[in-house]
């Protein structure tokens, strides 16, 4: 079996999963089982934090990120539940970050992993959805359009400006196997209008598909869903 490790960004979350009181862990389990699946961790935190007032918002966010990473292992590494539990226990045991853990805490960690992996609630569903979203060579991270005025000079530049162009530059930031990347595309006004129309049409199509899913009682996992 592949040796697992706890990435730095999840270490605090795993520590909290191990250390939190059993009664709070049970409340957390109940909350993430019953809640609507959210793609966004921020939306998930906003929804369940009123039910878990014993923990700071930032800590709850770290816990949920760590839990979702646990579910993601099964999808990304093709591991079964027992392999995930054994792999993560070994990862914690061999990581200096968790060197102060007692044998009792390590055993409790294994038990909590088993309970988490036994439920098929919000985070497990959203984790599968995120894995599907990320199964592409290029994943959009951000975009931005810059608008510039470009002067057109007369034959003799010293005679002044004959006119001006409005030029747009579309910046795309994306991620691929090599890391974060970006590129720029020059647009004119027609390009911007065409792009705007295509995006609007895509949203209309998405609404039609969502309506069809609702009619057949299939949950639409909207990345922007917020119950508020």
Protein backbone atom coordinates (compact mmCIF):
# COMPACT_ATOMS: atom_id res chain seq x y z
CA UNK A 1 0.00 0.00 0.00
CA UNK A 2 1.17 3.51 -0.79
CA UNK A 3 2.71 5.36 2.17
CA UNK A 4 0.50 8.29 3.13
CA UNK A 5 1.51 11.55 4.74
CA UNK A 6 -0.41 14.42 6.31
CA UNK A 7 0.09 17.57 4.19
CA UNK A 8 0.98 20.69 6.18
CA UNK A 9 -2.30 22.39 5.31
CA UNK A 10 -4.27 19.62 7.03
CA UNK A 11 -2.11 19.03 10.12
CA UNK A 12 -4.08 21.36 12.40
CA UNK A 13 -7.35 19.83 11.27
CA UNK A 14 -6.13 16.30 11.99
CA UNK A 15 -4.82 17.38 15.38
CA UNK A 16 -8.24 18.78 16.25
CA UNK A 17 -9.99 15.62 15.06
CA UNK A 18 -7.80 13.62 17.44
CA UNK A 19 -8.03 16.01 20.40
CA UNK A 20 -11.66 17.20 20.46
CA UNK A 21 -13.93 15.82 23.15
CA UNK A 22 -15.97 12.74 22.31
CA UNK A 23 -19.31 14.49 22.87
CA UNK A 24 -18.34 17.24 20.44
CA UNK A 25 -17.10 14.72 17.89
CA UNK A 26 -20.50 13.00 18.03
CA UNK A 27 -22.26 16.34 17.48
CA UNK A 28 -19.98 17.02 14.53
CA UNK A 29 -20.77 13.59 13.06
CA UNK A 30 -24.49 14.25 13.35
CA UNK A 31 -24.17 17.67 11.72
CA UNK A 32 -22.18 16.56 8.69
CA UNK A 33 -24.48 13.58 8.17
CA UNK A 34 -27.69 15.62 8.13
CA UNK A 35 -26.62 18.80 6.35
CA UNK A 36 -27.16 19.60 2.66
CA UNK A 37 -24.04 18.76 0.63
CA UNK A 38 -21.96 21.89 0.02
CA UNK A 39 -19.12 22.08 -2.48
CA UNK A 40 -17.76 25.15 -0.68
CA UNK A 41 -16.22 24.58 2.76
CA UNK A 42 -17.08 28.18 3.69
CA UNK A 43 -20.77 27.53 2.99
CA UNK A 44 -20.63 24.29 4.98
CA UNK A 45 -19.03 26.09 7.93
CA UNK A 46 -21.64 28.84 7.78
CA UNK A 47 -24.43 26.31 7.81
CA UNK A 48 -23.32 24.07 10.68
CA UNK A 49 -21.38 26.45 12.94
CA UNK A 50 -24.54 27.50 14.87
CA UNK A 51 -24.93 23.84 15.87
CA UNK A 52 -21.30 23.58 17.02
CA UNK A 53 -20.75 26.66 19.14
CA UNK A 54 -18.05 24.98 21.25
CA UNK A 55 -15.45 25.42 18.51
CA UNK A 56 -14.05 28.55 16.88
CA UNK A 57 -15.05 29.14 13.26
CA UNK A 58 -11.45 28.91 12.03
CA UNK A 59 -10.90 25.62 13.86
CA UNK A 60 -14.15 24.20 12.49
CA UNK A 61 -13.01 25.11 9.00
CA UNK A 62 -9.72 23.29 9.55
CA UNK A 63 -11.52 20.19 10.84
CA UNK A 64 -13.88 20.08 7.87
CA UNK A 65 -11.05 20.52 5.37
CA UNK A 66 -9.19 17.64 6.99
CA UNK A 67 -12.28 15.43 6.99
CA UNK A 68 -12.94 16.13 3.34
CA UNK A 69 -9.34 15.25 2.53
CA UNK A 70 -9.92 11.86 4.19
CA UNK A 71 -12.83 11.11 1.87
CA UNK A 72 -10.81 12.34 -1.10
CA UNK A 73 -8.19 9.65 -0.47
CA UNK A 74 -10.60 6.94 -1.51
CA UNK A 75 -11.32 8.69 -4.79
CA UNK A 76 -7.82 9.89 -5.62
CA UNK A 77 -5.72 6.94 -4.43
CA UNK A 78 -8.30 4.19 -4.97
CA UNK A 79 -8.03 3.04 -1.36
CA UNK A 80 -10.66 1.15 0.61
CA UNK A 81 -11.72 2.21 4.11
CA UNK A 82 -9.33 -0.10 5.95
CA UNK A 83 -6.40 1.06 3.82
CA UNK A 84 -7.25 4.70 4.54
CA UNK A 85 -7.46 4.10 8.28
CA UNK A 86 -4.22 2.11 8.42
CA UNK A 87 -2.42 4.53 6.11
CA UNK A 88 -3.43 7.64 8.06
CA UNK A 89 -2.62 6.07 11.43
CA UNK A 90 0.83 5.18 10.11
CA UNK A 91 1.23 8.67 8.68
CA UNK A 92 0.41 10.27 12.02
CA UNK A 93 2.69 7.86 13.92
CA UNK A 94 5.66 8.68 11.70
CA UNK A 95 5.11 12.46 11.57
CA UNK A 96 7.02 14.56 14.12
CA UNK A 97 4.12 17.01 14.20
CA UNK A 98 2.10 14.40 16.08
CA UNK A 99 4.95 13.05 18.23
CA UNK A 100 3.17 13.96 21.48
CA UNK A 101 0.22 11.66 20.80
CA UNK A 102 -0.35 8.86 23.27
CA UNK A 103 -1.21 5.30 22.28
CA UNK A 104 -4.74 5.99 23.52
CA UNK A 105 -5.10 9.03 21.27
CA UNK A 106 -3.75 7.14 18.28
CA UNK A 107 -6.26 4.35 18.87
CA UNK A 108 -9.05 6.92 19.22
CA UNK A 109 -7.95 8.47 15.93
CA UNK A 110 -8.43 5.12 14.21
CA UNK A 111 -11.87 4.71 15.75
CA UNK A 112 -12.92 8.20 14.62
CA UNK A 113 -11.66 7.58 11.12
CA UNK A 114 -13.78 4.44 10.97
CA UNK A 115 -16.87 6.37 12.10
CA UNK A 116 -16.26 9.14 9.58
CA UNK A 117 -15.79 6.72 6.71
CA UNK A 118 -18.93 4.80 7.68
CA UNK A 119 -21.26 7.71 6.95
CA UNK A 120 -22.39 8.80 3.51
CA UNK A 121 -23.30 12.38 4.27
CA UNK A 122 -22.60 15.88 3.09
CA UNK A 123 -18.80 15.89 3.06
CA UNK A 124 -18.44 12.47 1.46
CA UNK A 125 -20.81 13.48 -1.35
CA UNK A 126 -19.20 16.89 -1.86
CA UNK A 127 -15.75 15.28 -1.85
CA UNK A 128 -16.79 12.97 -4.69
CA UNK A 129 -18.21 15.96 -6.57
CA UNK A 130 -14.98 17.93 -6.17
CA UNK A 131 -12.97 14.95 -7.40
CA UNK A 132 -15.11 14.89 -10.55
CA UNK A 133 -14.65 18.65 -11.02
CA UNK A 134 -10.89 18.22 -10.79
CA UNK A 135 -10.61 15.35 -13.29
CA UNK A 136 -9.51 17.71 -16.04
CA UNK A 137 -6.12 18.67 -17.43
CA UNK A 138 -6.78 22.37 -16.84
CA UNK A 139 -8.82 23.78 -13.95
CA UNK A 140 -9.84 27.43 -13.99
CA UNK A 141 -8.79 29.30 -10.85
CA UNK A 142 -9.50 32.91 -11.72
CA UNK A 143 -10.10 35.30 -14.59
CA UNK A 144 -9.85 39.03 -15.10
CA UNK A 145 -10.50 41.42 -17.98
CA UNK A 146 -8.31 44.48 -18.39
CA UNK A 147 -9.65 47.40 -20.46
CA UNK A 148 -7.19 49.69 -22.21
CA UNK A 149 -7.37 52.67 -24.54
CA UNK A 150 -4.85 52.43 -27.39
CA UNK A 151 -4.21 55.68 -29.30
CA UNK A 152 -3.83 55.64 -33.09
CA UNK A 153 -1.41 58.35 -34.14
CA UNK A 154 -1.49 60.28 -37.38
CA UNK A 155 1.16 59.63 -40.01
CA UNK A 156 3.32 62.16 -38.25
CA UNK A 157 3.12 61.27 -34.60
CA UNK A 158 3.88 64.82 -33.57
CA UNK A 159 0.64 65.94 -35.27
CA UNK A 160 -1.36 64.14 -32.60
CA UNK A 161 -3.87 61.34 -32.31
CA UNK A 162 -6.14 60.36 -35.17
CA UNK A 163 -8.33 58.13 -33.03
CA UNK A 164 -8.33 55.50 -30.31
CA UNK A 165 -9.18 51.85 -29.83
CA UNK A 166 -10.66 50.15 -26.79
CA UNK A 167 -8.79 46.87 -26.31
CA UNK A 168 -9.58 44.16 -23.77
CA UNK A 169 -7.15 41.64 -22.36
CA UNK A 170 -8.58 38.47 -20.83
CA UNK A 171 -6.33 36.97 -18.19
CA UNK A 172 -6.91 33.30 -17.35
CA UNK A 173 -5.33 31.69 -14.29
CA UNK A 174 -5.49 27.91 -14.21
CA UNK A 175 -3.92 24.83 -12.69
CA UNK A 176 -2.51 21.81 -14.45
CA UNK A 177 -0.19 18.95 -13.52
CA UNK A 178 2.79 21.31 -13.46
CA UNK A 179 1.20 23.79 -11.06
CA UNK A 180 -0.32 27.28 -11.37
CA UNK A 181 -0.23 28.85 -14.82
CA UNK A 182 -1.73 31.82 -16.66
CA UNK A 183 -2.17 33.21 -20.16
CA UNK A 184 -3.54 36.37 -21.79
CA UNK A 185 -5.87 36.78 -24.78
CA UNK A 186 -6.54 40.07 -26.61
CA UNK A 187 -10.22 40.81 -27.33
CA UNK A 188 -12.17 43.50 -29.12
CA UNK A 189 -15.70 44.65 -28.33
CA UNK A 190 -17.28 41.99 -30.57
CA UNK A 191 -15.27 39.28 -28.83
CA UNK A 192 -16.47 40.49 -25.43
CA UNK A 193 -20.11 40.54 -26.56
CA UNK A 194 -19.80 37.05 -28.05
CA UNK A 195 -18.20 35.74 -24.89
CA UNK A 196 -20.88 37.40 -22.77
CA UNK A 197 -23.61 35.81 -24.90
CA UNK A 198 -22.04 32.37 -24.71
CA UNK A 199 -21.74 32.57 -20.94
CA UNK A 200 -25.34 33.72 -20.58
CA UNK A 201 -26.52 30.86 -22.79
CA UNK A 202 -24.53 28.39 -20.68
CA UNK A 203 -26.29 29.62 -17.52
CA UNK A 204 -29.69 29.22 -19.19
CA UNK A 205 -28.79 25.65 -20.16
CA UNK A 206 -27.66 24.98 -16.59
CA UNK A 207 -31.04 26.19 -15.28
CA UNK A 208 -32.85 23.85 -17.68
CA UNK A 209 -30.71 20.91 -16.58
CA UNK A 210 -31.23 21.79 -12.90
CA UNK A 211 -34.99 21.84 -13.47
CA UNK A 212 -34.82 18.40 -15.09
CA UNK A 213 -32.79 17.05 -12.17
CA UNK A 214 -35.32 18.40 -9.69
CA UNK A 215 -38.17 16.68 -11.56
CA UNK A 216 -36.47 13.29 -11.25
CA UNK A 217 -35.45 14.00 -7.64
CA UNK A 218 -31.69 14.10 -8.28
CA UNK A 219 -29.78 16.48 -6.03
CA UNK A 220 -28.03 19.26 -7.93
CA UNK A 221 -24.66 19.96 -6.28
CA UNK A 222 -24.29 23.67 -6.97
CA UNK A 223 -20.77 24.90 -6.06
CA UNK A 224 -22.30 28.28 -5.17
CA UNK A 225 -25.18 26.90 -3.11
CA UNK A 226 -25.91 28.75 0.10
CA UNK A 227 -28.99 28.04 2.17
CA UNK A 228 -29.24 31.67 3.18
